[in-house]
Amino acid sequence: VQLQASGGGLVQAGGSLRLSCAASTSIRGVVMGWYRQAPSKQREWVASIIPGGTVNYADSVKGRFSISKDNAKNTVYLQMHSLKPEDTAVYFCNRRQKRGTEYFDSWGQGTQVTVSS
């Protein structure tokens, strides 16, 4: 499974960006998520969308970020509004598939988001 993330860049505080993550295989029936890792920090979960369409967000981004997906295009999106300097990080997409009792994770290469104050 390959995941190609794109859409990162440099934006001023208060601005918006839309990240995309294209998967090489179907994203139906799996959990798709976005994570981020800031310099010198651990990777943290940002948002996820489950097969039924239910979405969940980290408290730090709730109300500002929106995750969505297009199953026909095998693509998941992260729309980010009201960006803050603390949102600066490398953003990774994740595909999590459950097989039996085990979970299998695939990761994209990451896309840099830099928010200037």
PDB file of N, CA and C in Angstrom:
ATOM      1  N   VAL A   1       0.844  -1.182   0.000  1.00  0.00           N
ATOM      2  CA  VAL A   1       0.000   0.000   0.000  1.00  0.00           C
ATOM      3  C   VAL A   1       0.887   1.242   0.000  1.00  0.00           C
ATOM      4  N   GLN A   2       0.605   2.142  -0.909  1.00  0.00           N
ATOM      5  CA  GLN A   2       1.330   3.413  -0.940  1.00  0.00           C
ATOM      6  C   GLN A   2       0.357   4.557  -0.714  1.00  0.00           C
ATOM      7  N   LEU A   3       0.784   5.510   0.093  1.00  0.00           N
ATOM      8  CA  LEU A   3      -0.010   6.686   0.377  1.00  0.00           C
ATOM      9  C   LEU A   3       0.801   7.912  -0.019  1.00  0.00           C
ATOM     10  N   GLN A   4       0.219   8.765  -0.839  1.00  0.00           N
ATOM     11  CA  GLN A   4       0.913   9.953  -1.323  1.00  0.00           C
ATOM     12  C   GLN A   4       0.198  11.184  -0.790  1.00  0.00           C
ATOM     13  N   ALA A   5       0.842  11.859   0.156  1.00  0.00           N
ATOM     14  CA  ALA A   5       0.262  13.067   0.736  1.00  0.00           C
ATOM     15  C   ALA A   5       0.755  14.290  -0.020  1.00  0.00           C
ATOM     16  N   SER A   6      -0.113  15.277  -0.136  1.00  0.00           N
ATOM     17  CA  SER A   6       0.238  16.518  -0.809  1.00  0.00           C
ATOM     18  C   SER A   6      -0.603  17.656  -0.262  1.00  0.00           C
ATOM     19  N   GLY A   7      -0.228  18.869  -0.645  1.00  0.00           N
ATOM     20  CA  GLY A   7      -1.025  20.029  -0.272  1.00  0.00           C
ATOM     21  C   GLY A   7      -0.433  20.892   0.818  1.00  0.00           C
ATOM     22  N   GLY A   8       0.672  20.465   1.395  1.00  0.00           N
ATOM     23  CA  GLY A   8       1.297  21.269   2.432  1.00  0.00           C
ATOM     24  C   GLY A   8       1.921  22.525   1.860  1.00  0.00           C
ATOM     25  N   GLY A   9       2.366  23.388   2.752  1.00  0.00           N
ATOM     26  CA  GLY A   9       2.995  24.617   2.306  1.00  0.00           C
ATOM     27  C   GLY A   9       3.150  25.599   3.434  1.00  0.00           C
ATOM     28  N   LEU A  10       3.482  26.814   3.057  1.00  0.00           N
ATOM     29  CA  LEU A  10       3.665  27.903   4.009  1.00  0.00           C
ATOM     30  C   LEU A  10       2.438  28.808   3.962  1.00  0.00           C
ATOM     31  N   VAL A  11       1.871  29.085   5.111  1.00  0.00           N
ATOM     32  CA  VAL A  11       0.672  29.919   5.172  1.00  0.00           C
ATOM     33  C   VAL A  11       0.751  30.803   6.413  1.00  0.00           C
ATOM     34  N   GLN A  12       0.134  31.951   6.338  1.00  0.00           N
ATOM     35  CA  GLN A  12       0.100  32.840   7.500  1.00  0.00           C
ATOM     36  C   GLN A  12      -0.954  32.367   8.496  1.00  0.00           C
ATOM     37  N   ALA A  13      -0.756  32.732   9.731  1.00  0.00           N
ATOM     38  CA  ALA A  13      -1.727  32.397  10.771  1.00  0.00           C
ATOM     39  C   ALA A  13      -3.105  32.919  10.358  1.00  0.00           C
ATOM     40  N   GLY A  14      -4.105  32.082  10.581  1.00  0.00           N
ATOM     41  CA  GLY A  14      -5.462  32.422  10.176  1.00  0.00           C
ATOM     42  C   GLY A  14      -5.831  31.916   8.797  1.00  0.00           C
ATOM     43  N   GLY A  15      -4.854  31.440   8.073  1.00  0.00           N
ATOM     44  CA  GLY A  15      -5.086  30.960   6.724  1.00  0.00           C
ATOM     45  C   GLY A  15      -5.594  29.526   6.674  1.00  0.00           C
ATOM     46  N   SER A  16      -5.717  29.043   5.457  1.00  0.00           N
ATOM     47  CA  SER A  16      -6.260  27.695   5.237  1.00  0.00           C
ATOM     48  C   SER A  16      -5.375  26.903   4.282  1.00  0.00           C
ATOM     49  N   LEU A  17      -5.439  25.601   4.446  1.00  0.00           N
ATOM     50  CA  LEU A  17      -4.781  24.673   3.531  1.00  0.00           C
ATOM     51  C   LEU A  17      -5.647  23.423   3.426  1.00  0.00           C
ATOM     52  N   ARG A  18      -5.523  22.746   2.304  1.00  0.00           N
ATOM     53  CA  ARG A  18      -6.208  21.477   2.123  1.00  0.00           C
ATOM     54  C   ARG A  18      -5.191  20.406   1.760  1.00  0.00           C
ATOM     55  N   LEU A  19      -5.080  19.423   2.605  1.00  0.00           N
ATOM     56  CA  LEU A  19      -4.185  18.313   2.347  1.00  0.00           C
ATOM     57  C   LEU A  19      -4.945  17.177   1.665  1.00  0.00           C
ATOM     58  N   SER A  20      -4.243  16.464   0.818  1.00  0.00           N
ATOM     59  CA  SER A  20      -4.814  15.299   0.152  1.00  0.00           C
ATOM     60  C   SER A  20      -3.901  14.104   0.365  1.00  0.00           C
ATOM     61  N   CYS A  21      -4.487  12.949   0.389  1.00  0.00           N
ATOM     62  CA  CYS A  21      -3.714  11.712   0.515  1.00  0.00           C
ATOM     63  C   CYS A  21      -4.341  10.674  -0.412  1.00  0.00           C
ATOM     64  N   ALA A  22      -3.599  10.328  -1.447  1.00  0.00           N
ATOM     65  CA  ALA A  22      -4.077   9.353  -2.415  1.00  0.00           C
ATOM     66  C   ALA A  22      -3.489   7.987  -2.094  1.00  0.00           C
ATOM     67  N   ALA A  23      -4.350   7.000  -1.999  1.00  0.00           N
ATOM     68  CA  ALA A  23      -3.914   5.636  -1.694  1.00  0.00           C
ATOM     69  C   ALA A  23      -3.848   4.807  -2.963  1.00  0.00           C
ATOM     70  N   SER A  24      -2.931   3.856  -2.976  1.00  0.00           N
ATOM     71  CA  SER A  24      -2.757   2.994  -4.140  1.00  0.00           C
ATOM     72  C   SER A  24      -3.755   1.842  -4.149  1.00  0.00           C
ATOM     73  N   THR A  25      -4.516   1.728  -3.053  1.00  0.00           N
ATOM     74  CA  THR A  25      -5.490   0.673  -2.961  1.00  0.00           C
ATOM     75  C   THR A  25      -6.756   1.220  -2.320  1.00  0.00           C
ATOM     76  N   SER A  26      -7.768   0.411  -2.276  1.00  0.00           N
ATOM     77  CA  SER A  26      -9.054   0.879  -1.794  1.00  0.00           C
ATOM     78  C   SER A  26      -8.992   1.380  -0.352  1.00  0.00           C
ATOM     79  N   ILE A  27      -9.763   2.448  -0.094  1.00  0.00           N
ATOM     80  CA  ILE A  27      -9.878   2.945   1.273  1.00  0.00           C
ATOM     81  C   ILE A  27     -11.258   2.630   1.852  1.00  0.00           C
ATOM     82  N   ARG A  28     -12.019   1.839   1.119  1.00  0.00           N
ATOM     83  CA  ARG A  28     -13.296   1.384   1.659  1.00  0.00           C
ATOM     84  C   ARG A  28     -13.044   0.367   2.752  1.00  0.00           C
ATOM     85  N   GLY A  29     -13.825   0.445   3.801  1.00  0.00           N
ATOM     86  CA  GLY A  29     -13.723  -0.574   4.836  1.00  0.00           C
ATOM     87  C   GLY A  29     -12.525  -0.441   5.750  1.00  0.00           C
ATOM     88  N   VAL A  30     -11.806   0.655   5.648  1.00  0.00           N
ATOM     89  CA  VAL A  30     -10.641   0.865   6.517  1.00  0.00           C
ATOM     90  C   VAL A  30     -10.760   2.236   7.173  1.00  0.00           C
ATOM     91  N   VAL A  31      -9.992   2.408   8.225  1.00  0.00           N
ATOM     92  CA  VAL A  31      -9.936   3.704   8.892  1.00  0.00           C
ATOM     93  C   VAL A  31      -8.824   4.536   8.245  1.00  0.00           C
ATOM     94  N   MET A  32      -9.171   5.736   7.865  1.00  0.00           N
ATOM     95  CA  MET A  32      -8.167   6.664   7.329  1.00  0.00           C
ATOM     96  C   MET A  32      -7.972   7.790   8.335  1.00  0.00           C
ATOM     97  N   GLY A  33      -6.723   8.161   8.525  1.00  0.00           N
ATOM     98  CA  GLY A  33      -6.456   9.193   9.520  1.00  0.00           C
ATOM     99  C   GLY A  33      -5.321  10.112   9.115  1.00  0.00           C
ATOM    100  N   TRP A  34      -5.257  11.213   9.802  1.00  0.00           N
ATOM    101  CA  TRP A  34      -4.154  12.164   9.665  1.00  0.00           C
ATOM    102  C   TRP A  34      -3.461  12.285  11.017  1.00  0.00           C
ATOM    103  N   TYR A  35      -2.146  12.317  10.959  1.00  0.00           N
ATOM    104  CA  TYR A  35      -1.313  12.521  12.127  1.00  0.00           C
ATOM    105  C   TYR A  35      -0.345  13.650  11.800  1.00  0.00           C
ATOM    106  N   ARG A  36       0.295  14.187  12.820  1.00  0.00           N
ATOM    107  CA  ARG A  36       1.296  15.220  12.568  1.00  0.00           C
ATOM    108  C   ARG A  36       2.433  15.084  13.573  1.00  0.00           C
ATOM    109  N   GLN A  37       3.568  15.566  13.150  1.00  0.00           N
ATOM    110  CA  GLN A  37       4.744  15.527  14.008  1.00  0.00           C
ATOM    111  C   GLN A  37       5.494  16.840  13.889  1.00  0.00           C
ATOM    112  N   ALA A  38       5.540  17.557  14.984  1.00  0.00           N
ATOM    113  CA  ALA A  38       6.283  18.805  15.041  1.00  0.00           C
ATOM    114  C   ALA A  38       7.720  18.498  15.449  1.00  0.00           C
ATOM    115  N   PRO A  39       8.638  19.420  15.162  1.00  0.00           N
ATOM    116  CA  PRO A  39      10.044  19.199  15.522  1.00  0.00           C
ATOM    117  C   PRO A  39      10.201  18.891  17.009  1.00  0.00           C
ATOM    118  N   SER A  40      10.964  17.881  17.300  1.00  0.00           N
ATOM    119  CA  SER A  40      11.279  17.475  18.678  1.00  0.00           C
ATOM    120  C   SER A  40      10.066  16.976  19.451  1.00  0.00           C
ATOM    121  N   LYS A  41       8.992  16.664  18.746  1.00  0.00           N
ATOM    122  CA  LYS A  41       7.799  16.145  19.414  1.00  0.00           C
ATOM    123  C   LYS A  41       7.412  14.793  18.828  1.00  0.00           C
ATOM    124  N   GLN A  42       6.623  14.060  19.588  1.00  0.00           N
ATOM    125  CA  GLN A  42       6.141  12.782  19.092  1.00  0.00           C
ATOM    126  C   GLN A  42       5.005  12.994  18.095  1.00  0.00           C
ATOM    127  N   ARG A  43       4.844  12.012  17.246  1.00  0.00           N
ATOM    128  CA  ARG A  43       3.745  12.068  16.295  1.00  0.00           C
ATOM    129  C   ARG A  43       2.425  11.996  17.066  1.00  0.00           C
ATOM    130  N   GLU A  44       1.482  12.830  16.663  1.00  0.00           N
ATOM    131  CA  GLU A  44       0.197  12.852  17.338  1.00  0.00           C
ATOM    132  C   GLU A  44      -0.939  12.712  16.340  1.00  0.00           C
ATOM    133  N   TRP A  45      -1.988  12.103  16.810  1.00  0.00           N
ATOM    134  CA  TRP A  45      -3.179  11.911  15.997  1.00  0.00           C
ATOM    135  C   TRP A  45      -3.914  13.236  15.839  1.00  0.00           C
ATOM    136  N   VAL A  46      -4.437  13.478  14.640  1.00  0.00           N
ATOM    137  CA  VAL A  46      -5.160  14.711  14.352  1.00  0.00           C
ATOM    138  C   VAL A  46      -6.639  14.435  14.090  1.00  0.00           C
ATOM    139  N   ALA A  47      -6.905  13.502  13.190  1.00  0.00           N
ATOM    140  CA  ALA A  47      -8.293  13.242  12.810  1.00  0.00           C
ATOM    141  C   ALA A  47      -8.388  11.880  12.152  1.00  0.00           C
ATOM    142  N   SER A  48      -9.573  11.307  12.180  1.00  0.00           N
ATOM    143  CA  SER A  48      -9.778  10.039  11.502  1.00  0.00           C
ATOM    144  C   SER A  48     -11.211   9.930  11.013  1.00  0.00           C
ATOM    145  N   ILE A  49     -11.393   9.081  10.009  1.00  0.00           N
ATOM    146  CA  ILE A  49     -12.716   8.814   9.455  1.00  0.00           C
ATOM    147  C   ILE A  49     -12.845   7.313   9.276  1.00  0.00           C
ATOM    148  N   ILE A  50     -13.935   6.788   9.830  1.00  0.00           N
ATOM    149  CA  ILE A  50     -14.116   5.338   9.789  1.00  0.00           C
ATOM    150  C   ILE A  50     -14.987   4.959   8.600  1.00  0.00           C
ATOM    151  N   PRO A  51     -15.089   3.670   8.270  1.00  0.00           N
ATOM    152  CA  PRO A  51     -15.826   3.266   7.074  1.00  0.00           C
ATOM    153  C   PRO A  51     -17.242   3.814   6.989  1.00  0.00           C
ATOM    154  N   GLY A  52     -17.938   3.930   8.078  1.00  0.00           N
ATOM    155  CA  GLY A  52     -19.303   4.429   8.033  1.00  0.00           C
ATOM    156  C   GLY A  52     -19.401   5.922   7.846  1.00  0.00           C
ATOM    157  N   GLY A  53     -18.250   6.601   7.912  1.00  0.00           N
ATOM    158  CA  GLY A  53     -18.235   8.045   7.711  1.00  0.00           C
ATOM    159  C   GLY A  53     -18.115   8.856   8.975  1.00  0.00           C
ATOM    160  N   THR A  54     -18.186   8.211  10.126  1.00  0.00           N
ATOM    161  CA  THR A  54     -18.021   8.951  11.377  1.00  0.00           C
ATOM    162  C   THR A  54     -16.613   9.506  11.464  1.00  0.00           C
ATOM    163  N   VAL A  55     -16.544  10.766  11.911  1.00  0.00           N
ATOM    164  CA  VAL A  55     -15.246  11.428  12.013  1.00  0.00           C
ATOM    165  C   VAL A  55     -14.952  11.776  13.464  1.00  0.00           C
ATOM    166  N   ASN A  56     -13.666  11.841  13.753  1.00  0.00           N
ATOM    167  CA  ASN A  56     -13.225  12.222  15.089  1.00  0.00           C
ATOM    168  C   ASN A  56     -12.012  13.122  14.963  1.00  0.00           C
ATOM    169  N   TYR A  57     -11.896  14.048  15.917  1.00  0.00           N
ATOM    170  CA  TYR A  57     -10.825  15.030  15.876  1.00  0.00           C
ATOM    171  C   TYR A  57     -10.152  15.162  17.230  1.00  0.00           C
ATOM    172  N   ALA A  58      -8.869  15.484  17.170  1.00  0.00           N
ATOM    173  CA  ALA A  58      -8.176  15.862  18.393  1.00  0.00           C
ATOM    174  C   ALA A  58      -8.753  17.190  18.875  1.00  0.00           C
ATOM    175  N   ASP A  59      -8.760  17.367  20.169  1.00  0.00           N
ATOM    176  CA  ASP A  59      -9.329  18.596  20.718  1.00  0.00           C
ATOM    177  C   ASP A  59      -8.648  19.839  20.164  1.00  0.00           C
ATOM    178  N   SER A  60      -7.366  19.729  19.885  1.00  0.00           N
ATOM    179  CA  SER A  60      -6.593  20.894  19.431  1.00  0.00           C
ATOM    180  C   SER A  60      -7.012  21.395  18.057  1.00  0.00           C
ATOM    181  N   VAL A  61      -7.706  20.570  17.289  1.00  0.00           N
ATOM    182  CA  VAL A  61      -8.086  20.973  15.926  1.00  0.00           C
ATOM    183  C   VAL A  61      -9.601  20.995  15.723  1.00  0.00           C
ATOM    184  N   LYS A  62     -10.333  20.571  16.726  1.00  0.00           N
ATOM    185  CA  LYS A  62     -11.789  20.485  16.603  1.00  0.00           C
ATOM    186  C   LYS A  62     -12.369  21.861  16.292  1.00  0.00           C
ATOM    187  N   GLY A  63     -13.236  21.898  15.306  1.00  0.00           N
ATOM    188  CA  GLY A  63     -13.843  23.153  14.893  1.00  0.00           C
ATOM    189  C   GLY A  63     -13.058  23.916  13.840  1.00  0.00           C
ATOM    190  N   ARG A  64     -11.819  23.499  13.607  1.00  0.00           N
ATOM    191  CA  ARG A  64     -10.980  24.174  12.601  1.00  0.00           C
ATOM    192  C   ARG A  64     -10.624  23.262  11.437  1.00  0.00           C
ATOM    193  N   PHE A  65     -10.475  21.976  11.710  1.00  0.00           N
ATOM    194  CA  PHE A  65     -10.090  21.010  10.679  1.00  0.00           C
ATOM    195  C   PHE A  65     -11.277  20.121  10.339  1.00  0.00           C
ATOM    196  N   SER A  66     -11.282  19.648   9.095  1.00  0.00           N
ATOM    197  CA  SER A  66     -12.347  18.748   8.661  1.00  0.00           C
ATOM    198  C   SER A  66     -11.745  17.644   7.795  1.00  0.00           C
ATOM    199  N   ILE A  67     -12.014  16.401   8.154  1.00  0.00           N
ATOM    200  CA  ILE A  67     -11.528  15.268   7.378  1.00  0.00           C
ATOM    201  C   ILE A  67     -12.669  14.728   6.528  1.00  0.00           C
ATOM    202  N   SER A  68     -12.342  14.344   5.313  1.00  0.00           N
ATOM    203  CA  SER A  68     -13.339  13.766   4.417  1.00  0.00           C
ATOM    204  C   SER A  68     -12.630  12.786   3.488  1.00  0.00           C
ATOM    205  N   LYS A  69     -13.412  12.033   2.733  1.00  0.00           N
ATOM    206  CA  LYS A  69     -12.795  11.077   1.822  1.00  0.00           C
ATOM    207  C   LYS A  69     -13.650  10.905   0.588  1.00  0.00           C
ATOM    208  N   ASP A  70     -13.013  10.454  -0.471  1.00  0.00           N
ATOM    209  CA  ASP A  70     -13.676  10.111  -1.721  1.00  0.00           C
ATOM    210  C   ASP A  70     -13.280   8.673  -2.030  1.00  0.00           C
ATOM    211  N   ASN A  71     -14.163   7.747  -1.746  1.00  0.00           N
ATOM    212  CA  ASN A  71     -13.835   6.329  -1.944  1.00  0.00           C
ATOM    213  C   ASN A  71     -13.538   6.010  -3.410  1.00  0.00           C
ATOM    214  N   ALA A  72     -14.221   6.681  -4.315  1.00  0.00           N
ATOM    215  CA  ALA A  72     -14.009   6.411  -5.737  1.00  0.00           C
ATOM    216  C   ALA A  72     -12.600   6.793  -6.174  1.00  0.00           C
ATOM    217  N   LYS A  73     -12.035   7.785  -5.520  1.00  0.00           N
ATOM    218  CA  LYS A  73     -10.682   8.241  -5.854  1.00  0.00           C
ATOM    219  C   LYS A  73      -9.632   7.704  -4.893  1.00  0.00           C
ATOM    220  N   ASN A  74     -10.075   6.911  -3.915  1.00  0.00           N
ATOM    221  CA  ASN A  74      -9.147   6.388  -2.898  1.00  0.00           C
ATOM    222  C   ASN A  74      -8.334   7.515  -2.269  1.00  0.00           C
ATOM    223  N   THR A  75      -9.009   8.594  -1.962  1.00  0.00           N
ATOM    224  CA  THR A  75      -8.327   9.790  -1.464  1.00  0.00           C
ATOM    225  C   THR A  75      -9.016  10.298  -0.209  1.00  0.00           C
ATOM    226  N   VAL A  76      -8.204  10.697   0.739  1.00  0.00           N
ATOM    227  CA  VAL A  76      -8.712  11.325   1.956  1.00  0.00           C
ATOM    228  C   VAL A  76      -8.157  12.742   2.014  1.00  0.00           C
ATOM    229  N   TYR A  77      -8.958  13.632   2.576  1.00  0.00           N
ATOM    230  CA  TYR A  77      -8.600  15.044   2.615  1.00  0.00           C
ATOM    231  C   TYR A  77      -8.581  15.556   4.049  1.00  0.00           C
ATOM    232  N   LEU A  78      -7.815  16.602   4.267  1.00  0.00           N
ATOM    233  CA  LEU A  78      -7.859  17.315   5.542  1.00  0.00           C
ATOM    234  C   LEU A  78      -7.921  18.799   5.207  1.00  0.00           C
ATOM    235  N   GLN A  79      -9.092  19.375   5.418  1.00  0.00           N
ATOM    236  CA  GLN A  79      -9.268  20.802   5.227  1.00  0.00           C
ATOM    237  C   GLN A  79      -8.949  21.496   6.535  1.00  0.00           C
ATOM    238  N   MET A  80      -8.034  22.446   6.468  1.00  0.00           N
ATOM    239  CA  MET A  80      -7.576  23.122   7.676  1.00  0.00           C
ATOM    240  C   MET A  80      -7.864  24.610   7.559  1.00  0.00           C
ATOM    241  N   HIS A  81      -8.578  25.129   8.527  1.00  0.00           N
ATOM    242  CA  HIS A  81      -8.892  26.557   8.585  1.00  0.00           C
ATOM    243  C   HIS A  81      -8.335  27.149   9.874  1.00  0.00           C
ATOM    244  N   SER A  82      -8.285  28.476   9.903  1.00  0.00           N
ATOM    245  CA  SER A  82      -7.836  29.197  11.110  1.00  0.00           C
ATOM    246  C   SER A  82      -6.537  28.615  11.637  1.00  0.00           C
ATOM    247  N   LEU A  83      -5.602  28.430  10.755  1.00  0.00           N
ATOM    248  CA  LEU A  83      -4.348  27.795  11.141  1.00  0.00           C
ATOM    249  C   LEU A  83      -3.567  28.652  12.126  1.00  0.00           C
ATOM    250  N   LYS A  84      -2.885  27.960  13.016  1.00  0.00           N
ATOM    251  CA  LYS A  84      -2.101  28.613  14.050  1.00  0.00           C
ATOM    252  C   LYS A  84      -0.643  28.178  13.919  1.00  0.00           C
ATOM    253  N   PRO A  85       0.282  28.977  14.429  1.00  0.00           N
ATOM    254  CA  PRO A  85       1.690  28.561  14.367  1.00  0.00           C
ATOM    255  C   PRO A  85       1.930  27.191  15.002  1.00  0.00           C
ATOM    256  N   GLU A  86       1.174  26.851  16.003  1.00  0.00           N
ATOM    257  CA  GLU A  86       1.358  25.542  16.650  1.00  0.00           C
ATOM    258  C   GLU A  86       0.846  24.381  15.812  1.00  0.00           C
ATOM    259  N   ASP A  87       0.225  24.679  14.683  1.00  0.00           N
ATOM    260  CA  ASP A  87      -0.161  23.626  13.741  1.00  0.00           C
ATOM    261  C   ASP A  87       1.005  23.231  12.833  1.00  0.00           C
ATOM    262  N   THR A  88       2.089  23.974  12.921  1.00  0.00           N
ATOM    263  CA  THR A  88       3.260  23.673  12.107  1.00  0.00           C
ATOM    264  C   THR A  88       3.788  22.275  12.422  1.00  0.00           C
ATOM    265  N   ALA A  89       3.901  21.463  11.392  1.00  0.00           N
ATOM    266  CA  ALA A  89       4.323  20.071  11.569  1.00  0.00           C
ATOM    267  C   ALA A  89       4.391  19.398  10.203  1.00  0.00           C
ATOM    268  N   VAL A  90       4.952  18.214  10.202  1.00  0.00           N
ATOM    269  CA  VAL A  90       4.820  17.338   9.041  1.00  0.00           C
ATOM    270  C   VAL A  90       3.555  16.512   9.261  1.00  0.00           C
ATOM    271  N   TYR A  91       2.690  16.530   8.270  1.00  0.00           N
ATOM    272  CA  TYR A  91       1.409  15.830   8.366  1.00  0.00           C
ATOM    273  C   TYR A  91       1.490  14.525   7.575  1.00  0.00           C
ATOM    274  N   PHE A  92       1.072  13.466   8.231  1.00  0.00           N
ATOM    275  CA  PHE A  92       1.115  12.122   7.638  1.00  0.00           C
ATOM    276  C   PHE A  92      -0.295  11.557   7.540  1.00  0.00           C
ATOM    277  N   CYS A  93      -0.559  10.868   6.461  1.00  0.00           N
ATOM    278  CA  CYS A  93      -1.820  10.139   6.394  1.00  0.00           C
ATOM    279  C   CYS A  93      -1.566   8.677   6.735  1.00  0.00           C
ATOM    280  N   ASN A  94      -2.606   8.068   7.225  1.00  0.00           N
ATOM    281  CA  ASN A  94      -2.513   6.695   7.721  1.00  0.00           C
ATOM    282  C   ASN A  94      -3.710   5.898   7.236  1.00  0.00           C
ATOM    283  N   ARG A  95      -3.440   4.677   6.840  1.00  0.00           N
ATOM    284  CA  ARG A  95      -4.501   3.738   6.467  1.00  0.00           C
ATOM    285  C   ARG A  95      -4.412   2.561   7.429  1.00  0.00           C
ATOM    286  N   ARG A  96      -5.485   2.308   8.146  1.00  0.00           N
ATOM    287  CA  ARG A  96      -5.483   1.237   9.125  1.00  0.00           C
ATOM    288  C   ARG A  96      -6.534   0.191   8.756  1.00  0.00           C
ATOM    289  N   GLN A  97      -6.069  -1.007   8.533  1.00  0.00           N
ATOM    290  CA  GLN A  97      -6.952  -2.090   8.139  1.00  0.00           C
ATOM    291  C   GLN A  97      -6.951  -3.165   9.201  1.00  0.00           C
ATOM    292  N   LYS A  98      -8.126  -3.629   9.563  1.00  0.00           N
ATOM    293  CA  LYS A  98      -8.262  -4.693  10.544  1.00  0.00           C
ATOM    294  C   LYS A  98      -8.458  -6.018   9.839  1.00  0.00           C
ATOM    295  N   ARG A  99      -7.633  -6.976  10.239  1.00  0.00           N
ATOM    296  CA  ARG A  99      -7.777  -8.332   9.716  1.00  0.00           C
ATOM    297  C   ARG A  99      -7.825  -9.267  10.912  1.00  0.00           C
ATOM    298  N   GLY A 100      -8.977  -9.806  11.142  1.00  0.00           N
ATOM    299  CA  GLY A 100      -9.131 -10.620  12.336  1.00  0.00           C
ATOM    300  C   GLY A 100      -8.998  -9.752  13.560  1.00  0.00           C
ATOM    301  N   THR A 101      -8.024 -10.066  14.389  1.00  0.00           N
ATOM    302  CA  THR A 101      -7.800  -9.278  15.604  1.00  0.00           C
ATOM    303  C   THR A 101      -6.607  -8.337  15.466  1.00  0.00           C
ATOM    304  N   GLU A 102      -6.014  -8.290  14.298  1.00  0.00           N
ATOM    305  CA  GLU A 102      -4.828  -7.460  14.113  1.00  0.00           C
ATOM    306  C   GLU A 102      -5.128  -6.245  13.255  1.00  0.00           C
ATOM    307  N   TYR A 103      -4.349  -5.177  13.519  1.00  0.00           N
ATOM    308  CA  TYR A 103      -4.451  -3.963  12.724  1.00  0.00           C
ATOM    309  C   TYR A 103      -3.160  -3.790  11.918  1.00  0.00           C
ATOM    310  N   PHE A 104      -3.318  -3.369  10.668  1.00  0.00           N
ATOM    311  CA  PHE A 104      -2.180  -3.161   9.787  1.00  0.00           C
ATOM    312  C   PHE A 104      -2.178  -1.698   9.347  1.00  0.00           C
ATOM    313  N   ASP A 105      -1.069  -1.015   9.641  1.00  0.00           N
ATOM    314  CA  ASP A 105      -0.956   0.409   9.335  1.00  0.00           C
ATOM    315  C   ASP A 105      -0.065   0.648   8.128  1.00  0.00           C
ATOM    316  N   SER A 106      -0.499   1.567   7.302  1.00  0.00           N
ATOM    317  CA  SER A 106       0.319   2.061   6.197  1.00  0.00           C
ATOM    318  C   SER A 106       0.424   3.569   6.364  1.00  0.00           C
ATOM    319  N   TRP A 107       1.617   4.099   6.044  1.00  0.00           N
ATOM    320  CA  TRP A 107       1.872   5.531   6.232  1.00  0.00           C
ATOM    321  C   TRP A 107       2.340   6.167   4.941  1.00  0.00           C
ATOM    322  N   GLY A 108       1.937   7.412   4.762  1.00  0.00           N
ATOM    323  CA  GLY A 108       2.449   8.207   3.663  1.00  0.00           C
ATOM    324  C   GLY A 108       3.769   8.845   4.055  1.00  0.00           C
ATOM    325  N   GLN A 109       4.357   9.578   3.117  1.00  0.00           N
ATOM    326  CA  GLN A 109       5.679  10.151   3.334  1.00  0.00           C
ATOM    327  C   GLN A 109       5.630  11.472   4.094  1.00  0.00           C
ATOM    328  N   GLY A 110       4.476  12.034   4.258  1.00  0.00           N
ATOM    329  CA  GLY A 110       4.344  13.288   4.985  1.00  0.00           C
ATOM    330  C   GLY A 110       4.421  14.502   4.082  1.00  0.00           C
ATOM    331  N   THR A 111       3.724  15.544   4.510  1.00  0.00           N
ATOM    332  CA  THR A 111       3.772  16.818   3.808  1.00  0.00           C
ATOM    333  C   THR A 111       3.927  17.920   4.844  1.00  0.00           C
ATOM    334  N   GLN A 112       4.827  18.850   4.593  1.00  0.00           N
ATOM    335  CA  GLN A 112       5.158  19.882   5.568  1.00  0.00           C
ATOM    336  C   GLN A 112       4.120  21.011   5.544  1.00  0.00           C
ATOM    337  N   VAL A 113       3.640  21.354   6.719  1.00  0.00           N
ATOM    338  CA  VAL A 113       2.773  22.518   6.888  1.00  0.00           C
ATOM    339  C   VAL A 113       3.480  23.484   7.825  1.00  0.00           C
ATOM    340  N   THR A 114       3.679  24.702   7.359  1.00  0.00           N
ATOM    341  CA  THR A 114       4.332  25.726   8.157  1.00  0.00           C
ATOM    342  C   THR A 114       3.403  26.935   8.257  1.00  0.00           C
ATOM    343  N   VAL A 115       3.096  27.316   9.486  1.00  0.00           N
ATOM    344  CA  VAL A 115       2.209  28.448   9.724  1.00  0.00           C
ATOM    345  C   VAL A 115       3.024  29.563  10.371  1.00  0.00           C
ATOM    346  N   SER A 116       3.099  30.680   9.692  1.00  0.00           N
ATOM    347  CA  SER A 116       3.875  31.807  10.209  1.00  0.00           C
ATOM    348  C   SER A 116       2.974  32.740  11.018  1.00  0.00           C
ATOM    349  N   SER A 117       3.557  33.337  12.036  1.00  0.00           N
ATOM    350  CA  SER A 117       2.773  34.242  12.897  1.00  0.00           C
ATOM    351  C   SER A 117       2.792  35.662  12.389  1.00  0.00           C
TER     352      SER A 117
END
